[in-house]
PDB file of N, CA and C in Angstrom:
ATOM      1  N   MET A   1       0.835  -1.179   0.000  1.00  0.00           N
ATOM      2  CA  MET A   1       0.000   0.000   0.000  1.00  0.00           C
ATOM      3  C   MET A   1       0.883   1.246   0.000  1.00  0.00           C
ATOM      4  N   ILE A   2       0.618   2.133  -0.938  1.00  0.00           N
ATOM      5  CA  ILE A   2       1.393   3.368  -1.040  1.00  0.00           C
ATOM      6  C   ILE A   2       0.781   4.420  -0.125  1.00  0.00           C
ATOM      7  N   LYS A   3       1.645   5.035   0.676  1.00  0.00           N
ATOM      8  CA  LYS A   3       1.215   6.118   1.559  1.00  0.00           C
ATOM      9  C   LYS A   3       1.872   7.403   1.079  1.00  0.00           C
ATOM     10  N   ASN A   4       1.057   8.379   0.733  1.00  0.00           N
ATOM     11  CA  ASN A   4       1.587   9.659   0.279  1.00  0.00           C
ATOM     12  C   ASN A   4       1.995  10.518   1.463  1.00  0.00           C
ATOM     13  N   VAL A   5       3.043  11.295   1.286  1.00  0.00           N
ATOM     14  CA  VAL A   5       3.490  12.223   2.311  1.00  0.00           C
ATOM     15  C   VAL A   5       2.494  13.370   2.369  1.00  0.00           C
ATOM     16  N   ILE A   6       2.083  13.740   3.571  1.00  0.00           N
ATOM     17  CA  ILE A   6       1.215  14.902   3.723  1.00  0.00           C
ATOM     18  C   ILE A   6       2.069  16.085   4.141  1.00  0.00           C
ATOM     19  N   GLY A   7       1.666  17.266   3.784  1.00  0.00           N
ATOM     20  CA  GLY A   7       2.447  18.454   4.097  1.00  0.00           C
ATOM     21  C   GLY A   7       1.796  19.338   5.143  1.00  0.00           C
ATOM     22  N   GLU A   8       0.550  18.981   5.535  1.00  0.00           N
ATOM     23  CA  GLU A   8      -0.195  19.810   6.475  1.00  0.00           C
ATOM     24  C   GLU A   8      -0.582  18.990   7.698  1.00  0.00           C
ATOM     25  N   CYS A   9      -0.377  19.574   8.870  1.00  0.00           N
ATOM     26  CA  CYS A   9      -0.735  18.891  10.124  1.00  0.00           C
ATOM     27  C   CYS A   9      -2.249  18.702  10.189  1.00  0.00           C
ATOM     28  N   PRO A  10      -2.713  17.476  10.435  1.00  0.00           N
ATOM     29  CA  PRO A  10      -4.155  17.247  10.497  1.00  0.00           C
ATOM     30  C   PRO A  10      -4.804  17.860  11.744  1.00  0.00           C
ATOM     31  N   ILE A  11      -3.999  18.272  12.716  1.00  0.00           N
ATOM     32  CA  ILE A  11      -4.527  18.846  13.948  1.00  0.00           C
ATOM     33  C   ILE A  11      -4.642  20.373  13.850  1.00  0.00           C
ATOM     34  N   CYS A  12      -3.503  21.036  13.576  1.00  0.00           N
ATOM     35  CA  CYS A  12      -3.489  22.506  13.597  1.00  0.00           C
ATOM     36  C   CYS A  12      -3.382  23.144  12.220  1.00  0.00           C
ATOM     37  N   LYS A  13      -3.216  22.334  11.168  1.00  0.00           N
ATOM     38  CA  LYS A  13      -3.091  22.803   9.776  1.00  0.00           C
ATOM     39  C   LYS A  13      -1.753  23.485   9.480  1.00  0.00           C
ATOM     40  N   GLY A  14      -0.777  23.379  10.396  1.00  0.00           N
ATOM     41  CA  GLY A  14       0.549  23.935  10.161  1.00  0.00           C
ATOM     42  C   GLY A  14       1.331  23.063   9.182  1.00  0.00           C
ATOM     43  N   ASP A  15       2.424  23.618   8.641  1.00  0.00           N
ATOM     44  CA  ASP A  15       3.277  22.869   7.714  1.00  0.00           C
ATOM     45  C   ASP A  15       4.047  21.778   8.448  1.00  0.00           C
ATOM     46  N   LEU A  16       4.132  20.618   7.841  1.00  0.00           N
ATOM     47  CA  LEU A  16       4.924  19.511   8.384  1.00  0.00           C
ATOM     48  C   LEU A  16       6.293  19.497   7.715  1.00  0.00           C
ATOM     49  N   SER A  17       7.289  18.954   8.404  1.00  0.00           N
ATOM     50  CA  SER A  17       8.611  18.766   7.804  1.00  0.00           C
ATOM     51  C   SER A  17       9.011  17.309   7.988  1.00  0.00           C
ATOM     52  N   VAL A  18       9.861  16.838   7.116  1.00  0.00           N
ATOM     53  CA  VAL A  18      10.370  15.471   7.191  1.00  0.00           C
ATOM     54  C   VAL A  18      11.639  15.514   8.030  1.00  0.00           C
ATOM     55  N   THR A  19      11.737  14.614   9.003  1.00  0.00           N
ATOM     56  CA  THR A  19      12.911  14.620   9.883  1.00  0.00           C
ATOM     57  C   THR A  19      13.730  13.336   9.809  1.00  0.00           C
ATOM     58  N   ARG A  20      13.215  12.329   9.105  1.00  0.00           N
ATOM     59  CA  ARG A  20      13.967  11.076   9.005  1.00  0.00           C
ATOM     60  C   ARG A  20      13.684  10.407   7.664  1.00  0.00           C
ATOM     61  N   LEU A  21      14.747   9.906   7.053  1.00  0.00           N
ATOM     62  CA  LEU A  21      14.644   9.161   5.802  1.00  0.00           C
ATOM     63  C   LEU A  21      15.237   7.780   6.009  1.00  0.00           C
ATOM     64  N   LYS A  22      14.654   6.777   5.350  1.00  0.00           N
ATOM     65  CA  LYS A  22      15.154   5.415   5.498  1.00  0.00           C
ATOM     66  C   LYS A  22      15.199   4.738   4.133  1.00  0.00           C
ATOM     67  N   CYS A  23      16.307   4.050   3.870  1.00  0.00           N
ATOM     68  CA  CYS A  23      16.455   3.278   2.639  1.00  0.00           C
ATOM     69  C   CYS A  23      15.733   1.938   2.807  1.00  0.00           C
ATOM     70  N   ASN A  24      14.838   1.616   1.908  1.00  0.00           N
ATOM     71  CA  ASN A  24      14.113   0.338   1.975  1.00  0.00           C
ATOM     72  C   ASN A  24      14.991  -0.850   1.591  1.00  0.00           C
ATOM     73  N   HIS A  25      16.118  -0.575   0.959  1.00  0.00           N
ATOM     74  CA  HIS A  25      17.003  -1.651   0.517  1.00  0.00           C
ATOM     75  C   HIS A  25      17.995  -2.067   1.604  1.00  0.00           C
ATOM     76  N   CYS A  26      18.703  -1.095   2.181  1.00  0.00           N
ATOM     77  CA  CYS A  26      19.762  -1.442   3.154  1.00  0.00           C
ATOM     78  C   CYS A  26      19.470  -0.981   4.574  1.00  0.00           C
ATOM     79  N   ASP A  27      18.316  -0.380   4.804  1.00  0.00           N
ATOM     80  CA  ASP A  27      17.889   0.096   6.118  1.00  0.00           C
ATOM     81  C   ASP A  27      18.707   1.264   6.671  1.00  0.00           C
ATOM     82  N   THR A  28      19.500   1.923   5.834  1.00  0.00           N
ATOM     83  CA  THR A  28      20.218   3.115   6.280  1.00  0.00           C
ATOM     84  C   THR A  28      19.198   4.192   6.618  1.00  0.00           C
ATOM     85  N   GLU A  29      19.418   4.881   7.745  1.00  0.00           N
ATOM     86  CA  GLU A  29      18.534   5.964   8.149  1.00  0.00           C
ATOM     87  C   GLU A  29      19.316   7.265   8.236  1.00  0.00           C
ATOM     88  N   ILE A  30      18.680   8.339   7.789  1.00  0.00           N
ATOM     89  CA  ILE A  30      19.286   9.667   7.828  1.00  0.00           C
ATOM     90  C   ILE A  30      18.326  10.581   8.575  1.00  0.00           C
ATOM     91  N   SER A  31      18.837  11.264   9.601  1.00  0.00           N
ATOM     92  CA  SER A  31      18.015  12.195  10.365  1.00  0.00           C
ATOM     93  C   SER A  31      18.435  13.623  10.055  1.00  0.00           C
ATOM     94  N   GLY A  32      17.498  14.521  10.107  1.00  0.00           N
ATOM     95  CA  GLY A  32      17.767  15.933   9.840  1.00  0.00           C
ATOM     96  C   GLY A  32      16.444  16.650   9.628  1.00  0.00           C
ATOM     97  N   SER A  33      16.497  17.773   8.995  1.00  0.00           N
ATOM     98  CA  SER A  33      15.293  18.520   8.667  1.00  0.00           C
ATOM     99  C   SER A  33      15.271  18.687   7.153  1.00  0.00           C
ATOM    100  N   PHE A  34      14.336  18.016   6.500  1.00  0.00           N
ATOM    101  CA  PHE A  34      14.273  17.990   5.048  1.00  0.00           C
ATOM    102  C   PHE A  34      13.017  18.717   4.577  1.00  0.00           C
ATOM    103  N   GLN A  35      13.180  19.512   3.537  1.00  0.00           N
ATOM    104  CA  GLN A  35      12.072  20.294   3.015  1.00  0.00           C
ATOM    105  C   GLN A  35      11.269  19.480   2.004  1.00  0.00           C
ATOM    106  N   LEU A  36       9.964  19.570   2.111  1.00  0.00           N
ATOM    107  CA  LEU A  36       9.078  18.942   1.129  1.00  0.00           C
ATOM    108  C   LEU A  36       8.943  19.872  -0.071  1.00  0.00           C
ATOM    109  N   SER A  37       8.491  19.331  -1.196  1.00  0.00           N
ATOM    110  CA  SER A  37       8.259  20.183  -2.364  1.00  0.00           C
ATOM    111  C   SER A  37       6.954  20.946  -2.188  1.00  0.00           C
ATOM    112  N   LYS A  38       6.758  21.967  -2.993  1.00  0.00           N
ATOM    113  CA  LYS A  38       5.522  22.752  -2.937  1.00  0.00           C
ATOM    114  C   LYS A  38       4.306  21.881  -3.200  1.00  0.00           C
ATOM    115  N   PHE A  39       4.475  20.835  -3.974  1.00  0.00           N
ATOM    116  CA  PHE A  39       3.356  19.961  -4.315  1.00  0.00           C
ATOM    117  C   PHE A  39       2.837  19.190  -3.096  1.00  0.00           C
ATOM    118  N   ASN A  40       3.714  18.923  -2.128  1.00  0.00           N
ATOM    119  CA  ASN A  40       3.302  18.199  -0.927  1.00  0.00           C
ATOM    120  C   ASN A  40       2.346  19.001  -0.055  1.00  0.00           C
ATOM    121  N   TYR A  41       2.293  20.298  -0.260  1.00  0.00           N
ATOM    122  CA  TYR A  41       1.434  21.153   0.548  1.00  0.00           C
ATOM    123  C   TYR A  41       0.090  21.446  -0.126  1.00  0.00           C
ATOM    124  N   LEU A  42      -0.112  20.912  -1.326  1.00  0.00           N
ATOM    125  CA  LEU A  42      -1.371  21.130  -2.036  1.00  0.00           C
ATOM    126  C   LEU A  42      -2.429  20.136  -1.579  1.00  0.00           C
ATOM    127  N   SER A  43      -3.674  20.548  -1.688  1.00  0.00           N
ATOM    128  CA  SER A  43      -4.786  19.652  -1.351  1.00  0.00           C
ATOM    129  C   SER A  43      -4.898  18.560  -2.410  1.00  0.00           C
ATOM    130  N   LYS A  44      -5.611  17.497  -2.069  1.00  0.00           N
ATOM    131  CA  LYS A  44      -5.827  16.409  -3.030  1.00  0.00           C
ATOM    132  C   LYS A  44      -6.543  16.924  -4.270  1.00  0.00           C
ATOM    133  N   GLU A  45      -7.460  17.859  -4.083  1.00  0.00           N
ATOM    134  CA  GLU A  45      -8.203  18.426  -5.205  1.00  0.00           C
ATOM    135  C   GLU A  45      -7.283  19.192  -6.153  1.00  0.00           C
ATOM    136  N   HIS A  46      -6.382  19.984  -5.559  1.00  0.00           N
ATOM    137  CA  HIS A  46      -5.448  20.742  -6.391  1.00  0.00           C
ATOM    138  C   HIS A  46      -4.481  19.811  -7.120  1.00  0.00           C
ATOM    139  N   LEU A  47      -4.023  18.773  -6.447  1.00  0.00           N
ATOM    140  CA  LEU A  47      -3.124  17.813  -7.095  1.00  0.00           C
ATOM    141  C   LEU A  47      -3.827  17.109  -8.256  1.00  0.00           C
ATOM    142  N   TYR A  48      -5.088  16.755  -8.053  1.00  0.00           N
ATOM    143  CA  TYR A  48      -5.848  16.103  -9.118  1.00  0.00           C
ATOM    144  C   TYR A  48      -6.021  17.057 -10.300  1.00  0.00           C
ATOM    145  N   PHE A  49      -6.310  18.329 -10.014  1.00  0.00           N
ATOM    146  CA  PHE A  49      -6.449  19.312 -11.078  1.00  0.00           C
ATOM    147  C   PHE A  49      -5.146  19.423 -11.871  1.00  0.00           C
ATOM    148  N   ILE A  50      -4.012  19.483 -11.173  1.00  0.00           N
ATOM    149  CA  ILE A  50      -2.713  19.568 -11.849  1.00  0.00           C
ATOM    150  C   ILE A  50      -2.490  18.339 -12.732  1.00  0.00           C
ATOM    151  N   GLU A  51      -2.848  17.169 -12.219  1.00  0.00           N
ATOM    152  CA  GLU A  51      -2.700  15.933 -12.991  1.00  0.00           C
ATOM    153  C   GLU A  51      -3.520  16.004 -14.282  1.00  0.00           C
ATOM    154  N   VAL A  52      -4.770  16.435 -14.174  1.00  0.00           N
ATOM    155  CA  VAL A  52      -5.631  16.556 -15.357  1.00  0.00           C
ATOM    156  C   VAL A  52      -5.077  17.625 -16.297  1.00  0.00           C
ATOM    157  N   PHE A  53      -4.619  18.744 -15.738  1.00  0.00           N
ATOM    158  CA  PHE A  53      -4.057  19.833 -16.531  1.00  0.00           C
ATOM    159  C   PHE A  53      -2.856  19.345 -17.347  1.00  0.00           C
ATOM    160  N   LEU A  54      -1.939  18.642 -16.696  1.00  0.00           N
ATOM    161  CA  LEU A  54      -0.749  18.143 -17.380  1.00  0.00           C
ATOM    162  C   LEU A  54      -1.097  17.072 -18.407  1.00  0.00           C
ATOM    163  N   LYS A  55      -1.993  16.155 -18.034  1.00  0.00           N
ATOM    164  CA  LYS A  55      -2.393  15.085 -18.943  1.00  0.00           C
ATOM    165  C   LYS A  55      -2.965  15.648 -20.235  1.00  0.00           C
ATOM    166  N   ASN A  56      -3.682  16.768 -20.107  1.00  0.00           N
ATOM    167  CA  ASN A  56      -4.309  17.401 -21.269  1.00  0.00           C
ATOM    168  C   ASN A  56      -3.448  18.514 -21.856  1.00  0.00           C
ATOM    169  N   ARG A  57      -2.195  18.576 -21.423  1.00  0.00           N
ATOM    170  CA  ARG A  57      -1.217  19.542 -21.928  1.00  0.00           C
ATOM    171  C   ARG A  57      -1.718  20.977 -21.875  1.00  0.00           C
ATOM    172  N   GLY A  58      -2.517  21.274 -20.848  1.00  0.00           N
ATOM    173  CA  GLY A  58      -3.005  22.634 -20.660  1.00  0.00           C
ATOM    174  C   GLY A  58      -4.136  23.031 -21.588  1.00  0.00           C
ATOM    175  N   ASN A  59      -4.661  22.076 -22.356  1.00  0.00           N
ATOM    176  CA  ASN A  59      -5.753  22.372 -23.282  1.00  0.00           C
ATOM    177  C   ASN A  59      -7.036  22.578 -22.471  1.00  0.00           C
ATOM    178  N   ILE A  60      -7.458  23.827 -22.372  1.00  0.00           N
ATOM    179  CA  ILE A  60      -8.598  24.183 -21.522  1.00  0.00           C
ATOM    180  C   ILE A  60      -9.864  23.432 -21.931  1.00  0.00           C
ATOM    181  N   LYS A  61     -10.108  23.315 -23.214  1.00  0.00           N
ATOM    182  CA  LYS A  61     -11.316  22.617 -23.689  1.00  0.00           C
ATOM    183  C   LYS A  61     -11.319  21.159 -23.222  1.00  0.00           C
ATOM    184  N   GLN A  62     -10.180  20.493 -23.294  1.00  0.00           N
ATOM    185  CA  GLN A  62     -10.089  19.102 -22.845  1.00  0.00           C
ATOM    186  C   GLN A  62     -10.271  19.000 -21.331  1.00  0.00           C
ATOM    187  N   ILE A  63      -9.708  19.962 -20.610  1.00  0.00           N
ATOM    188  CA  ILE A  63      -9.849  19.972 -19.153  1.00  0.00           C
ATOM    189  C   ILE A  63     -11.313  20.178 -18.776  1.00  0.00           C
ATOM    190  N   GLU A  64     -11.966  21.121 -19.446  1.00  0.00           N
ATOM    191  CA  GLU A  64     -13.398  21.359 -19.218  1.00  0.00           C
ATOM    192  C   GLU A  64     -14.185  20.072 -19.418  1.00  0.00           C
ATOM    193  N   LYS A  65     -13.895  19.397 -20.519  1.00  0.00           N
ATOM    194  CA  LYS A  65     -14.613  18.168 -20.874  1.00  0.00           C
ATOM    195  C   LYS A  65     -14.374  17.066 -19.839  1.00  0.00           C
ATOM    196  N   GLU A  66     -13.111  16.853 -19.491  1.00  0.00           N
ATOM    197  CA  GLU A  66     -12.782  15.768 -18.561  1.00  0.00           C
ATOM    198  C   GLU A  66     -13.359  15.998 -17.169  1.00  0.00           C
ATOM    199  N   LEU A  67     -13.294  17.241 -16.697  1.00  0.00           N
ATOM    200  CA  LEU A  67     -13.755  17.531 -15.341  1.00  0.00           C
ATOM    201  C   LEU A  67     -15.233  17.928 -15.291  1.00  0.00           C
ATOM    202  N   GLY A  68     -15.801  18.195 -16.458  1.00  0.00           N
ATOM    203  CA  GLY A  68     -17.205  18.608 -16.505  1.00  0.00           C
ATOM    204  C   GLY A  68     -17.427  19.973 -15.876  1.00  0.00           C
ATOM    205  N   ILE A  69     -16.470  20.887 -16.113  1.00  0.00           N
ATOM    206  CA  ILE A  69     -16.565  22.233 -15.548  1.00  0.00           C
ATOM    207  C   ILE A  69     -16.421  23.263 -16.667  1.00  0.00           C
ATOM    208  N   SER A  70     -16.784  24.500 -16.360  1.00  0.00           N
ATOM    209  CA  SER A  70     -16.742  25.571 -17.345  1.00  0.00           C
ATOM    210  C   SER A  70     -15.344  26.189 -17.421  1.00  0.00           C
ATOM    211  N   TYR A  71     -15.153  26.991 -18.459  1.00  0.00           N
ATOM    212  CA  TYR A  71     -13.880  27.691 -18.633  1.00  0.00           C
ATOM    213  C   TYR A  71     -13.526  28.538 -17.402  1.00  0.00           C
ATOM    214  N   PRO A  72     -14.469  29.369 -16.898  1.00  0.00           N
ATOM    215  CA  PRO A  72     -14.119  30.174 -15.719  1.00  0.00           C
ATOM    216  C   PRO A  72     -13.718  29.326 -14.510  1.00  0.00           C
ATOM    217  N   THR A  73     -14.317  28.154 -14.369  1.00  0.00           N
ATOM    218  CA  THR A  73     -13.967  27.283 -13.246  1.00  0.00           C
ATOM    219  C   THR A  73     -12.567  26.704 -13.428  1.00  0.00           C
ATOM    220  N   VAL A  74     -12.202  26.369 -14.658  1.00  0.00           N
ATOM    221  CA  VAL A  74     -10.837  25.896 -14.934  1.00  0.00           C
ATOM    222  C   VAL A  74      -9.846  26.986 -14.550  1.00  0.00           C
ATOM    223  N   LYS A  75     -10.110  28.219 -14.996  1.00  0.00           N
ATOM    224  CA  LYS A  75      -9.208  29.332 -14.690  1.00  0.00           C
ATOM    225  C   LYS A  75      -9.138  29.591 -13.181  1.00  0.00           C
ATOM    226  N   LYS A  76     -10.282  29.502 -12.493  1.00  0.00           N
ATOM    227  CA  LYS A  76     -10.318  29.710 -11.037  1.00  0.00           C
ATOM    228  C   LYS A  76      -9.476  28.647 -10.340  1.00  0.00           C
ATOM    229  N   ASN A  77      -9.627  27.392 -10.762  1.00  0.00           N
ATOM    230  CA  ASN A  77      -8.842  26.309 -10.162  1.00  0.00           C
ATOM    231  C   ASN A  77      -7.355  26.508 -10.403  1.00  0.00           C
ATOM    232  N   LEU A  78      -7.006  26.918 -11.603  1.00  0.00           N
ATOM    233  CA  LEU A  78      -5.601  27.155 -11.927  1.00  0.00           C
ATOM    234  C   LEU A  78      -5.039  28.278 -11.063  1.00  0.00           C
ATOM    235  N   ASP A  79      -5.800  29.358 -10.917  1.00  0.00           N
ATOM    236  CA  ASP A  79      -5.356  30.470 -10.066  1.00  0.00           C
ATOM    237  C   ASP A  79      -5.185  30.026  -8.615  1.00  0.00           C
ATOM    238  N   GLU A  80      -6.103  29.199  -8.121  1.00  0.00           N
ATOM    239  CA  GLU A  80      -6.005  28.702  -6.745  1.00  0.00           C
ATOM    240  C   GLU A  80      -4.730  27.877  -6.546  1.00  0.00           C
ATOM    241  N   VAL A  81      -4.405  27.038  -7.524  1.00  0.00           N
ATOM    242  CA  VAL A  81      -3.188  26.227  -7.443  1.00  0.00           C
ATOM    243  C   VAL A  81      -1.958  27.129  -7.431  1.00  0.00           C
ATOM    244  N   ILE A  82      -1.953  28.117  -8.306  1.00  0.00           N
ATOM    245  CA  ILE A  82      -0.818  29.043  -8.389  1.00  0.00           C
ATOM    246  C   ILE A  82      -0.606  29.740  -7.051  1.00  0.00           C
ATOM    247  N   VAL A  83      -1.677  30.243  -6.456  1.00  0.00           N
ATOM    248  CA  VAL A  83      -1.585  30.938  -5.170  1.00  0.00           C
ATOM    249  C   VAL A  83      -1.178  29.958  -4.066  1.00  0.00           C
ATOM    250  N   SER A  84      -1.727  28.751  -4.091  1.00  0.00           N
ATOM    251  CA  SER A  84      -1.380  27.742  -3.077  1.00  0.00           C
ATOM    252  C   SER A  84       0.096  27.371  -3.113  1.00  0.00           C
ATOM    253  N   MET A  85       0.701  27.508  -4.279  1.00  0.00           N
ATOM    254  CA  MET A  85       2.124  27.188  -4.405  1.00  0.00           C
ATOM    255  C   MET A  85       3.010  28.375  -4.019  1.00  0.00           C
ATOM    256  N   GLY A  86       2.381  29.477  -3.621  1.00  0.00           N
ATOM    257  CA  GLY A  86       3.148  30.616  -3.133  1.00  0.00           C
ATOM    258  C   GLY A  86       3.459  31.677  -4.158  1.00  0.00           C
ATOM    259  N   TYR A  87       2.834  31.607  -5.319  1.00  0.00           N
ATOM    260  CA  TYR A  87       3.069  32.605  -6.363  1.00  0.00           C
ATOM    261  C   TYR A  87       1.946  33.632  -6.365  1.00  0.00           C
ATOM    262  N   GLU A  88       2.255  34.810  -6.872  1.00  0.00           N
ATOM    263  CA  GLU A  88       1.260  35.868  -6.952  1.00  0.00           C
ATOM    264  C   GLU A  88       0.650  35.903  -8.345  1.00  0.00           C
ATOM    265  N   ILE A  89      -0.588  36.369  -8.393  1.00  0.00           N
ATOM    266  CA  ILE A  89      -1.274  36.525  -9.668  1.00  0.00           C
ATOM    267  C   ILE A  89      -1.472  38.009  -9.901  1.00  0.00           C
ATOM    268  N   ASP A  90      -1.051  38.489 -11.053  1.00  0.00           N
ATOM    269  CA  ASP A  90      -1.252  39.882 -11.429  1.00  0.00           C
ATOM    270  C   ASP A  90      -2.733  40.053 -11.749  1.00  0.00           C
ATOM    271  N   GLU A  91      -3.461  40.690 -10.842  1.00  0.00           N
ATOM    272  CA  GLU A  91      -4.917  40.816 -10.976  1.00  0.00           C
ATOM    273  C   GLU A  91      -5.319  41.589 -12.223  1.00  0.00           C
ATOM    274  N   GLU A  92      -4.556  42.617 -12.594  1.00  0.00           N
ATOM    275  CA  GLU A  92      -4.880  43.395 -13.792  1.00  0.00           C
ATOM    276  C   GLU A  92      -4.717  42.540 -15.045  1.00  0.00           C
ATOM    277  N   GLU A  93      -3.608  41.800 -15.099  1.00  0.00           N
ATOM    278  CA  GLU A  93      -3.360  40.910 -16.233  1.00  0.00           C
ATOM    279  C   GLU A  93      -4.434  39.823 -16.293  1.00  0.00           C
ATOM    280  N   LYS A  94      -4.793  39.295 -15.124  1.00  0.00           N
ATOM    281  CA  LYS A  94      -5.826  38.259 -15.047  1.00  0.00           C
ATOM    282  C   LYS A  94      -7.155  38.782 -15.583  1.00  0.00           C
ATOM    283  N   ALA A  95      -7.541  40.000 -15.185  1.00  0.00           N
ATOM    284  CA  ALA A  95      -8.803  40.592 -15.638  1.00  0.00           C
ATOM    285  C   ALA A  95      -8.785  40.813 -17.149  1.00  0.00           C
ATOM    286  N   ASN A  96      -7.641  41.262 -17.675  1.00  0.00           N
ATOM    287  CA  ASN A  96      -7.528  41.475 -19.123  1.00  0.00           C
ATOM    288  C   ASN A  96      -7.668  40.164 -19.883  1.00  0.00           C
ATOM    289  N   LYS A  97      -7.022  39.119 -19.407  1.00  0.00           N
ATOM    290  CA  LYS A  97      -7.097  37.819 -20.072  1.00  0.00           C
ATOM    291  C   LYS A  97      -8.510  37.257 -20.011  1.00  0.00           C
ATOM    292  N   GLU A  98      -9.171  37.419 -18.867  1.00  0.00           N
ATOM    293  CA  GLU A  98     -10.538  36.932 -18.742  1.00  0.00           C
ATOM    294  C   GLU A  98     -11.455  37.633 -19.737  1.00  0.00           C
ATOM    295  N   GLU A  99     -11.257  38.928 -19.907  1.00  0.00           N
ATOM    296  CA  GLU A  99     -12.066  39.691 -20.863  1.00  0.00           C
ATOM    297  C   GLU A  99     -11.813  39.213 -22.296  1.00  0.00           C
ATOM    298  N   ILE A 100     -10.563  38.943 -22.615  1.00  0.00           N
ATOM    299  CA  ILE A 100     -10.223  38.445 -23.955  1.00  0.00           C
ATOM    300  C   ILE A 100     -10.886  37.099 -24.193  1.00  0.00           C
ATOM    301  N   PHE A 101     -10.823  36.209 -23.206  1.00  0.00           N
ATOM    302  CA  PHE A 101     -11.434  34.889 -23.362  1.00  0.00           C
ATOM    303  C   PHE A 101     -12.953  34.972 -23.482  1.00  0.00           C
ATOM    304  N   LYS A 102     -13.568  35.889 -22.748  1.00  0.00           N
ATOM    305  CA  LYS A 102     -15.019  36.063 -22.861  1.00  0.00           C
ATOM    306  C   LYS A 102     -15.398  36.511 -24.272  1.00  0.00           C
ATOM    307  N   LYS A 103     -14.630  37.457 -24.810  1.00  0.00           N
ATOM    308  CA  LYS A 103     -14.889  37.924 -26.176  1.00  0.00           C
ATOM    309  C   LYS A 103     -14.695  36.794 -27.179  1.00  0.00           C
ATOM    310  N   LEU A 104     -13.682  35.986 -26.957  1.00  0.00           N
ATOM    311  CA  LEU A 104     -13.412  34.854 -27.836  1.00  0.00           C
ATOM    312  C   LEU A 104     -14.557  33.846 -27.781  1.00  0.00           C
ATOM    313  N   GLU A 105     -15.008  33.520 -26.581  1.00  0.00           N
ATOM    314  CA  GLU A 105     -16.117  32.567 -26.417  1.00  0.00           C
ATOM    315  C   GLU A 105     -17.399  33.067 -27.076  1.00  0.00           C
ATOM    316  N   LYS A 106     -17.633  34.375 -27.023  1.00  0.00           N
ATOM    317  CA  LYS A 106     -18.841  34.963 -27.609  1.00  0.00           C
ATOM    318  C   LYS A 106     -18.721  35.141 -29.123  1.00  0.00           C
ATOM    319  N   GLY A 107     -17.525  34.917 -29.651  1.00  0.00           N
ATOM    320  CA  GLY A 107     -17.308  35.067 -31.085  1.00  0.00           C
ATOM    321  C   GLY A 107     -17.080  36.506 -31.504  1.00  0.00           C
ATOM    322  N   GLU A 108     -16.802  37.370 -30.541  1.00  0.00           N
ATOM    323  CA  GLU A 108     -16.579  38.784 -30.843  1.00  0.00           C
ATOM    324  C   GLU A 108     -15.205  39.026 -31.461  1.00  0.00           C
ATOM    325  N   ILE A 109     -14.265  38.123 -31.187  1.00  0.00           N
ATOM    326  CA  ILE A 109     -12.925  38.206 -31.779  1.00  0.00           C
ATOM    327  C   ILE A 109     -12.510  36.807 -32.231  1.00  0.00           C
ATOM    328  N   THR A 110     -11.539  36.758 -33.118  1.00  0.00           N
ATOM    329  CA  THR A 110     -11.037  35.470 -33.600  1.00  0.00           C
ATOM    330  C   THR A 110      -9.921  34.979 -32.683  1.00  0.00           C
ATOM    331  N   ALA A 111      -9.551  33.720 -32.874  1.00  0.00           N
ATOM    332  CA  ALA A 111      -8.469  33.141 -32.074  1.00  0.00           C
ATOM    333  C   ALA A 111      -7.159  33.876 -32.316  1.00  0.00           C
ATOM    334  N   SER A 112      -6.897  34.249 -33.558  1.00  0.00           N
ATOM    335  CA  SER A 112      -5.645  34.960 -33.855  1.00  0.00           C
ATOM    336  C   SER A 112      -5.654  36.357 -33.234  1.00  0.00           C
ATOM    337  N   GLU A 113      -6.817  37.011 -33.209  1.00  0.00           N
ATOM    338  CA  GLU A 113      -6.909  38.318 -32.547  1.00  0.00           C
ATOM    339  C   GLU A 113      -6.691  38.161 -31.044  1.00  0.00           C
ATOM    340  N   ALA A 114      -7.263  37.110 -30.460  1.00  0.00           N
ATOM    341  CA  ALA A 114      -7.084  36.849 -29.033  1.00  0.00           C
ATOM    342  C   ALA A 114      -5.615  36.598 -28.717  1.00  0.00           C
ATOM    343  N   ALA A 115      -4.949  35.830 -29.559  1.00  0.00           N
ATOM    344  CA  ALA A 115      -3.523  35.548 -29.354  1.00  0.00           C
ATOM    345  C   ALA A 115      -2.698  36.812 -29.387  1.00  0.00           C
ATOM    346  N   LYS A 116      -3.004  37.718 -30.322  1.00  0.00           N
ATOM    347  CA  LYS A 116      -2.278  38.994 -30.405  1.00  0.00           C
ATOM    348  C   LYS A 116      -2.519  39.825 -29.153  1.00  0.00           C
ATOM    349  N   LEU A 117      -3.755  39.851 -28.683  1.00  0.00           N
ATOM    350  CA  LEU A 117      -4.082  40.622 -27.480  1.00  0.00           C
ATOM    351  C   LEU A 117      -3.404  40.072 -26.236  1.00  0.00           C
ATOM    352  N   MET A 118      -3.211  38.762 -26.203  1.00  0.00           N
ATOM    353  CA  MET A 118      -2.575  38.128 -25.044  1.00  0.00           C
ATOM    354  C   MET A 118      -1.103  38.510 -24.927  1.00  0.00           C
ATOM    355  N   LYS A 119      -0.474  38.795 -26.052  1.00  0.00           N
ATOM    356  CA  LYS A 119       0.942  39.146 -26.030  1.00  0.00           C
ATOM    357  C   LYS A 119       1.083  40.540 -25.481  1.00  0.00           C
TER     358      LYS A 119
END
């Protein structure tokens, strides 16, 4: 049975750290304070979203289809993952991109026009 490392304390919700490593082959043990990756601190939902995102190579339409969610929900989930990993989101840039995508979805602009606006 595979047990995944958790990054959040189930009692107080604080960050956990790894303090001991053991080799399954020779039983060597190493003690210290080891840092987990940013992914270890994400919720199961965020990890699943990342898995679907990567599997679909970031194709929003495929992600929408697989998860049964709308474009805005895909973008919201992506933003939540980004923030959970400790990165900031430029709110002005985000609002501009959302407006471009809305126009694209409504057929007000073409894909090539949207691509130019995104740059």
